[in-house]
PDB file of all heavy atoms in Angstrom:
ATOM      1  N   ASN A   1       6.493  -2.621  -3.281  1.00  0.00           N
ATOM      2  CA  ASN A   1       5.284  -3.406  -3.383  1.00  0.00           C
ATOM      3  C   ASN A   1       4.838  -3.757  -1.973  1.00  0.00           C
ATOM      4  O   ASN A   1       5.671  -4.060  -1.121  1.00  0.00           O
ATOM      5  CB  ASN A   1       5.574  -4.688  -4.143  1.00  0.00           C
ATOM      6  CG  ASN A   1       4.359  -5.560  -4.254  1.00  0.00           C
ATOM      7  OD1 ASN A   1       3.303  -5.171  -4.759  1.00  0.00           O
ATOM      8  ND2 ASN A   1       4.421  -6.769  -3.705  1.00  0.00           N
ATOM      9  N   VAL A   2       3.579  -3.666  -1.689  1.00  0.00           N
ATOM     10  CA  VAL A   2       3.047  -4.044  -0.421  1.00  0.00           C
ATOM     11  C   VAL A   2       1.854  -4.965  -0.699  1.00  0.00           C
ATOM     12  O   VAL A   2       0.999  -4.661  -1.472  1.00  0.00           O
ATOM     13  CB  VAL A   2       2.716  -2.881   0.506  1.00  0.00           C
ATOM     14  CG1 VAL A   2       1.585  -1.994  -0.119  1.00  0.00           C
ATOM     15  CG2 VAL A   2       2.255  -3.346   1.846  1.00  0.00           C
ATOM     16  N   PHE A   3       1.845  -6.124   0.010  1.00  0.00           N
ATOM     17  CA  PHE A   3       0.739  -7.042  -0.197  1.00  0.00           C
ATOM     18  C   PHE A   3      -0.574  -6.468   0.462  1.00  0.00           C
ATOM     19  O   PHE A   3      -0.485  -5.806   1.463  1.00  0.00           O
ATOM     20  CB  PHE A   3       1.051  -8.391   0.408  1.00  0.00           C
ATOM     21  CG  PHE A   3       2.108  -9.158  -0.404  1.00  0.00           C
ATOM     22  CD1 PHE A   3       3.422  -9.122  -0.033  1.00  0.00           C
ATOM     23  CD2 PHE A   3       1.718  -9.786  -1.615  1.00  0.00           C
ATOM     24  CE1 PHE A   3       4.407  -9.815  -0.789  1.00  0.00           C
ATOM     25  CE2 PHE A   3       2.682 -10.427  -2.339  1.00  0.00           C
ATOM     26  CZ  PHE A   3       4.039 -10.467  -1.937  1.00  0.00           C
ATOM     27  N   GLY A   4      -1.654  -6.675  -0.254  1.00  0.00           N
ATOM     28  CA  GLY A   4      -2.946  -6.140   0.172  1.00  0.00           C
ATOM     29  C   GLY A   4      -3.374  -6.382   1.565  1.00  0.00           C
ATOM     30  O   GLY A   4      -4.044  -5.619   2.232  1.00  0.00           O
ATOM     31  N   GLY A   5      -2.933  -7.503   2.126  1.00  0.00           N
ATOM     32  CA  GLY A   5      -3.323  -7.907   3.514  1.00  0.00           C
ATOM     33  C   GLY A   5      -2.495  -7.259   4.579  1.00  0.00           C
ATOM     34  O   GLY A   5      -2.771  -7.415   5.758  1.00  0.00           O
ATOM     35  N   ASN A   6      -1.495  -6.518   4.241  1.00  0.00           N
ATOM     36  CA  ASN A   6      -0.625  -5.868   5.178  1.00  0.00           C
ATOM     37  C   ASN A   6      -1.109  -4.445   5.488  1.00  0.00           C
ATOM     38  O   ASN A   6      -0.452  -3.462   5.126  1.00  0.00           O
ATOM     39  CB  ASN A   6       0.833  -5.864   4.645  1.00  0.00           C
ATOM     40  CG  ASN A   6       1.842  -5.599   5.763  1.00  0.00           C
ATOM     41  OD1 ASN A   6       1.474  -5.058   6.801  1.00  0.00           O
ATOM     42  ND2 ASN A   6       3.080  -5.895   5.469  1.00  0.00           N
ATOM     43  N   ALA A   7      -2.223  -4.332   6.244  1.00  0.00           N
ATOM     44  CA  ALA A   7      -2.854  -3.086   6.510  1.00  0.00           C
ATOM     45  C   ALA A   7      -1.917  -2.104   7.225  1.00  0.00           C
ATOM     46  O   ALA A   7      -1.944  -0.886   6.950  1.00  0.00           O
ATOM     47  CB  ALA A   7      -4.133  -3.309   7.272  1.00  0.00           C
ATOM     48  N   ALA A   8      -1.160  -2.593   8.191  1.00  0.00           N
ATOM     49  CA  ALA A   8      -0.262  -1.709   8.933  1.00  0.00           C
ATOM     50  C   ALA A   8       0.788  -1.054   8.046  1.00  0.00           C
ATOM     51  O   ALA A   8       1.014   0.165   8.149  1.00  0.00           O
ATOM     52  CB  ALA A   8       0.410  -2.455  10.105  1.00  0.00           C
ATOM     53  N   ALA A   9       1.353  -1.841   7.143  1.00  0.00           N
ATOM     54  CA  ALA A   9       2.364  -1.253   6.226  1.00  0.00           C
ATOM     55  C   ALA A   9       1.722  -0.294   5.275  1.00  0.00           C
ATOM     56  O   ALA A   9       2.282   0.801   4.969  1.00  0.00           O
ATOM     57  CB  ALA A   9       3.085  -2.381   5.481  1.00  0.00           C
ATOM     58  N   ILE A  10       0.550  -0.631   4.789  1.00  0.00           N
ATOM     59  CA  ILE A  10      -0.158   0.250   3.845  1.00  0.00           C
ATOM     60  C   ILE A  10      -0.433   1.601   4.541  1.00  0.00           C
ATOM     61  O   ILE A  10      -0.157   2.648   3.929  1.00  0.00           O
ATOM     62  CB  ILE A  10      -1.483  -0.348   3.367  1.00  0.00           C
ATOM     63  CG1 ILE A  10      -1.160  -1.554   2.437  1.00  0.00           C
ATOM     64  CG2 ILE A  10      -2.333   0.694   2.637  1.00  0.00           C
ATOM     65  CD1 ILE A  10      -2.295  -2.440   2.070  1.00  0.00           C
ATOM     66  N   ARG A  11      -0.866   1.590   5.794  1.00  0.00           N
ATOM     67  CA  ARG A  11      -1.092   2.862   6.527  1.00  0.00           C
ATOM     68  C   ARG A  11       0.212   3.632   6.704  1.00  0.00           C
ATOM     69  O   ARG A  11       0.265   4.836   6.525  1.00  0.00           O
ATOM     70  CB  ARG A  11      -1.660   2.549   7.885  1.00  0.00           C
ATOM     71  CG  ARG A  11      -3.122   2.171   7.844  1.00  0.00           C
ATOM     72  CD  ARG A  11      -3.768   2.180   9.264  1.00  0.00           C
ATOM     73  NE  ARG A  11      -3.092   1.262  10.208  1.00  0.00           N
ATOM     74  CZ  ARG A  11      -3.392   0.023  10.291  1.00  0.00           C
ATOM     75  NH1 ARG A  11      -4.327  -0.534   9.533  1.00  0.00           N
ATOM     76  NH2 ARG A  11      -2.732  -0.748  11.222  1.00  0.00           N
ATOM     77  N   MET A  12       1.314   2.899   6.989  1.00  0.00           N
ATOM     78  CA  MET A  12       2.594   3.545   7.188  1.00  0.00           C
ATOM     79  C   MET A  12       3.046   4.215   5.884  1.00  0.00           C
ATOM     80  O   MET A  12       3.446   5.413   5.845  1.00  0.00           O
ATOM     81  CB  MET A  12       3.650   2.635   7.698  1.00  0.00           C
ATOM     82  CG  MET A  12       4.991   3.254   7.897  1.00  0.00           C
ATOM     83  SD  MET A  12       6.356   2.168   8.375  1.00  0.00           S
ATOM     84  CE  MET A  12       6.723   1.332   6.864  1.00  0.00           C
ATOM     85  N   TYR A  13       3.032   3.523   4.784  1.00  0.00           N
ATOM     86  CA  TYR A  13       3.424   4.073   3.506  1.00  0.00           C
ATOM     87  C   TYR A  13       2.514   5.243   3.043  1.00  0.00           C
ATOM     88  O   TYR A  13       2.985   6.258   2.568  1.00  0.00           O
ATOM     89  CB  TYR A  13       3.418   3.033   2.395  1.00  0.00           C
ATOM     90  CG  TYR A  13       4.426   1.929   2.708  1.00  0.00           C
ATOM     91  CD1 TYR A  13       4.047   0.585   2.569  1.00  0.00           C
ATOM     92  CD2 TYR A  13       5.703   2.205   3.043  1.00  0.00           C
ATOM     93  CE1 TYR A  13       4.959  -0.420   2.838  1.00  0.00           C
ATOM     94  CE2 TYR A  13       6.591   1.168   3.305  1.00  0.00           C
ATOM     95  CZ  TYR A  13       6.245  -0.103   3.201  1.00  0.00           C
ATOM     96  OH  TYR A  13       7.122  -1.153   3.464  1.00  0.00           O
ATOM     97  N   ASP A  14       1.220   5.152   3.316  1.00  0.00           N
ATOM     98  CA  ASP A  14       0.313   6.230   2.990  1.00  0.00           C
ATOM     99  C   ASP A  14       0.655   7.500   3.819  1.00  0.00           C
ATOM    100  O   ASP A  14       0.799   8.563   3.257  1.00  0.00           O
ATOM    101  CB  ASP A  14      -1.140   5.799   3.302  1.00  0.00           C
ATOM    102  CG  ASP A  14      -2.133   6.842   2.855  1.00  0.00           C
ATOM    103  OD1 ASP A  14      -2.071   7.264   1.716  1.00  0.00           O
ATOM    104  OD2 ASP A  14      -2.947   7.277   3.688  1.00  0.00           O
ATOM    105  N   ALA A  15       0.924   7.291   5.144  1.00  0.00           N
ATOM    106  CA  ALA A  15       1.300   8.426   5.974  1.00  0.00           C
ATOM    107  C   ALA A  15       2.615   9.009   5.604  1.00  0.00           C
ATOM    108  O   ALA A  15       2.843  10.222   5.769  1.00  0.00           O
ATOM    109  CB  ALA A  15       1.351   7.938   7.431  1.00  0.00           C
ATOM    110  N   ALA A  16       3.480   8.218   4.955  1.00  0.00           N
ATOM    111  CA  ALA A  16       4.784   8.694   4.544  1.00  0.00           C
ATOM    112  C   ALA A  16       4.776   9.383   3.155  1.00  0.00           C
ATOM    113  O   ALA A  16       5.789   9.783   2.629  1.00  0.00           O
ATOM    114  CB  ALA A  16       5.830   7.568   4.530  1.00  0.00           C
ATOM    115  N   GLY A  17       3.569   9.408   2.554  1.00  0.00           N
ATOM    116  CA  GLY A  17       3.423  10.112   1.253  1.00  0.00           C
ATOM    117  C   GLY A  17       3.521   9.209   0.018  1.00  0.00           C
ATOM    118  O   GLY A  17       3.569   9.749  -1.093  1.00  0.00           O
ATOM    119  N   TYR A  18       3.490   7.937   0.197  1.00  0.00           N
ATOM    120  CA  TYR A  18       3.528   7.030  -1.019  1.00  0.00           C
ATOM    121  C   TYR A  18       2.126   7.027  -1.642  1.00  0.00           C
ATOM    122  O   TYR A  18       1.084   7.073  -0.925  1.00  0.00           O
ATOM    123  CB  TYR A  18       3.955   5.611  -0.558  1.00  0.00           C
ATOM    124  CG  TYR A  18       5.406   5.516  -0.303  1.00  0.00           C
ATOM    125  CD1 TYR A  18       5.929   5.993   0.889  1.00  0.00           C
ATOM    126  CD2 TYR A  18       6.271   5.000  -1.243  1.00  0.00           C
ATOM    127  CE1 TYR A  18       7.335   5.918   1.128  1.00  0.00           C
ATOM    128  CE2 TYR A  18       7.616   4.959  -1.013  1.00  0.00           C
ATOM    129  CZ  TYR A  18       8.160   5.453   0.205  1.00  0.00           C
ATOM    130  OH  TYR A  18       9.517   5.379   0.430  1.00  0.00           O
ATOM    131  N   ALA A  19       2.066   6.907  -2.935  1.00  0.00           N
ATOM    132  CA  ALA A  19       0.821   6.842  -3.662  1.00  0.00           C
ATOM    133  C   ALA A  19       0.784   5.592  -4.531  1.00  0.00           C
ATOM    134  O   ALA A  19       1.843   5.145  -4.959  1.00  0.00           O
ATOM    135  CB  ALA A  19       0.698   8.068  -4.579  1.00  0.00           C
ATOM    136  N   VAL A  20      -0.374   5.075  -4.698  1.00  0.00           N
ATOM    137  CA  VAL A  20      -0.589   3.892  -5.536  1.00  0.00           C
ATOM    138  C   VAL A  20      -0.284   4.270  -6.969  1.00  0.00           C
ATOM    139  O   VAL A  20      -0.925   5.239  -7.466  1.00  0.00           O
ATOM    140  CB  VAL A  20      -1.959   3.316  -5.379  1.00  0.00           C
ATOM    141  CG1 VAL A  20      -2.200   2.122  -6.399  1.00  0.00           C
ATOM    142  CG2 VAL A  20      -2.222   2.833  -3.965  1.00  0.00           C
ATOM    143  N   VAL A  21       0.633   3.557  -7.645  1.00  0.00           N
ATOM    144  CA  VAL A  21       0.921   3.824  -9.019  1.00  0.00           C
ATOM    145  C   VAL A  21       0.405   2.702  -9.958  1.00  0.00           C
ATOM    146  O   VAL A  21       0.164   2.924 -11.104  1.00  0.00           O
ATOM    147  CB  VAL A  21       2.407   4.116  -9.277  1.00  0.00           C
ATOM    148  CG1 VAL A  21       2.820   5.456  -8.662  1.00  0.00           C
ATOM    149  CG2 VAL A  21       3.310   2.971  -8.809  1.00  0.00           C
ATOM    150  N   THR A  22       0.351   1.486  -9.436  1.00  0.00           N
ATOM    151  CA  THR A  22      -0.284   0.370 -10.113  1.00  0.00           C
ATOM    152  C   THR A  22      -0.970  -0.435  -9.014  1.00  0.00           C
ATOM    153  O   THR A  22      -0.651  -0.370  -7.875  1.00  0.00           O
ATOM    154  CB  THR A  22       0.719  -0.544 -10.835  1.00  0.00           C
ATOM    155  OG1 THR A  22       1.595  -1.135  -9.855  1.00  0.00           O
ATOM    156  CG2 THR A  22       1.535   0.176 -11.896  1.00  0.00           C
ATOM    157  N   GLN A  23      -1.953  -1.195  -9.451  1.00  0.00           N
ATOM    158  CA  GLN A  23      -2.687  -2.038  -8.472  1.00  0.00           C
ATOM    159  C   GLN A  23      -3.110  -3.319  -9.153  1.00  0.00           C
ATOM    160  O   GLN A  23      -3.654  -3.300 -10.219  1.00  0.00           O
ATOM    161  CB  GLN A  23      -3.898  -1.260  -7.952  1.00  0.00           C
ATOM    162  CG  GLN A  23      -4.541  -1.887  -6.783  1.00  0.00           C
ATOM    163  CD  GLN A  23      -5.503  -1.021  -6.084  1.00  0.00           C
ATOM    164  OE1 GLN A  23      -5.564   0.199  -6.393  1.00  0.00           O
ATOM    165  NE2 GLN A  23      -6.268  -1.496  -5.211  1.00  0.00           N
ATOM    166  N   GLN A  24      -2.841  -4.443  -8.482  1.00  0.00           N
ATOM    167  CA  GLN A  24      -3.302  -5.715  -9.005  1.00  0.00           C
ATOM    168  C   GLN A  24      -4.462  -6.136  -8.040  1.00  0.00           C
ATOM    169  O   GLN A  24      -4.419  -5.964  -6.840  1.00  0.00           O
ATOM    170  CB  GLN A  24      -2.255  -6.771  -8.910  1.00  0.00           C
ATOM    171  CG  GLN A  24      -1.076  -6.573  -9.840  1.00  0.00           C
ATOM    172  CD  GLN A  24      -0.060  -7.644  -9.739  1.00  0.00           C
ATOM    173  OE1 GLN A  24       0.408  -7.952  -8.594  1.00  0.00           O
ATOM    174  NE2 GLN A  24       0.360  -8.275 -10.829  1.00  0.00           N
ATOM    175  N   MET A  25      -5.441  -6.711  -8.665  1.00  0.00           N
ATOM    176  CA  MET A  25      -6.606  -7.180  -7.864  1.00  0.00           C
ATOM    177  C   MET A  25      -6.946  -8.597  -8.323  1.00  0.00           C
ATOM    178  O   MET A  25      -6.610  -8.997  -9.446  1.00  0.00           O
ATOM    179  CB  MET A  25      -7.815  -6.275  -8.156  1.00  0.00           C
ATOM    180  CG  MET A  25      -7.530  -4.823  -7.722  1.00  0.00           C
ATOM    181  SD  MET A  25      -8.931  -3.729  -8.042  1.00  0.00           S
ATOM    182  CE  MET A  25      -9.962  -4.089  -6.673  1.00  0.00           C
ATOM    183  N   ARG A  26      -7.536  -9.384  -7.426  1.00  0.00           N
ATOM    184  CA  ARG A  26      -7.814 -10.763  -7.671  1.00  0.00           C
ATOM    185  C   ARG A  26      -9.088 -11.147  -6.930  1.00  0.00           C
ATOM    186  O   ARG A  26      -9.347 -10.653  -5.885  1.00  0.00           O
ATOM    187  CB  ARG A  26      -6.678 -11.649  -7.178  1.00  0.00           C
ATOM    188  CG  ARG A  26      -6.958 -13.142  -7.386  1.00  0.00           C
ATOM    189  CD  ARG A  26      -5.803 -13.957  -6.870  1.00  0.00           C
ATOM    190  NE  ARG A  26      -4.588 -13.701  -7.607  1.00  0.00           N
ATOM    191  CZ  ARG A  26      -3.405 -13.942  -7.168  1.00  0.00           C
ATOM    192  NH1 ARG A  26      -3.231 -14.404  -5.941  1.00  0.00           N
ATOM    193  NH2 ARG A  26      -2.347 -13.682  -7.880  1.00  0.00           N
TER     194      ARG A  26
END
């Protein structure tokens, strides 16, 4: 799980091949 405000982590996981499987929005 990565919090939506953690843009650096999201970029890292995306570059490492992780894909969104669920998404919560608020």
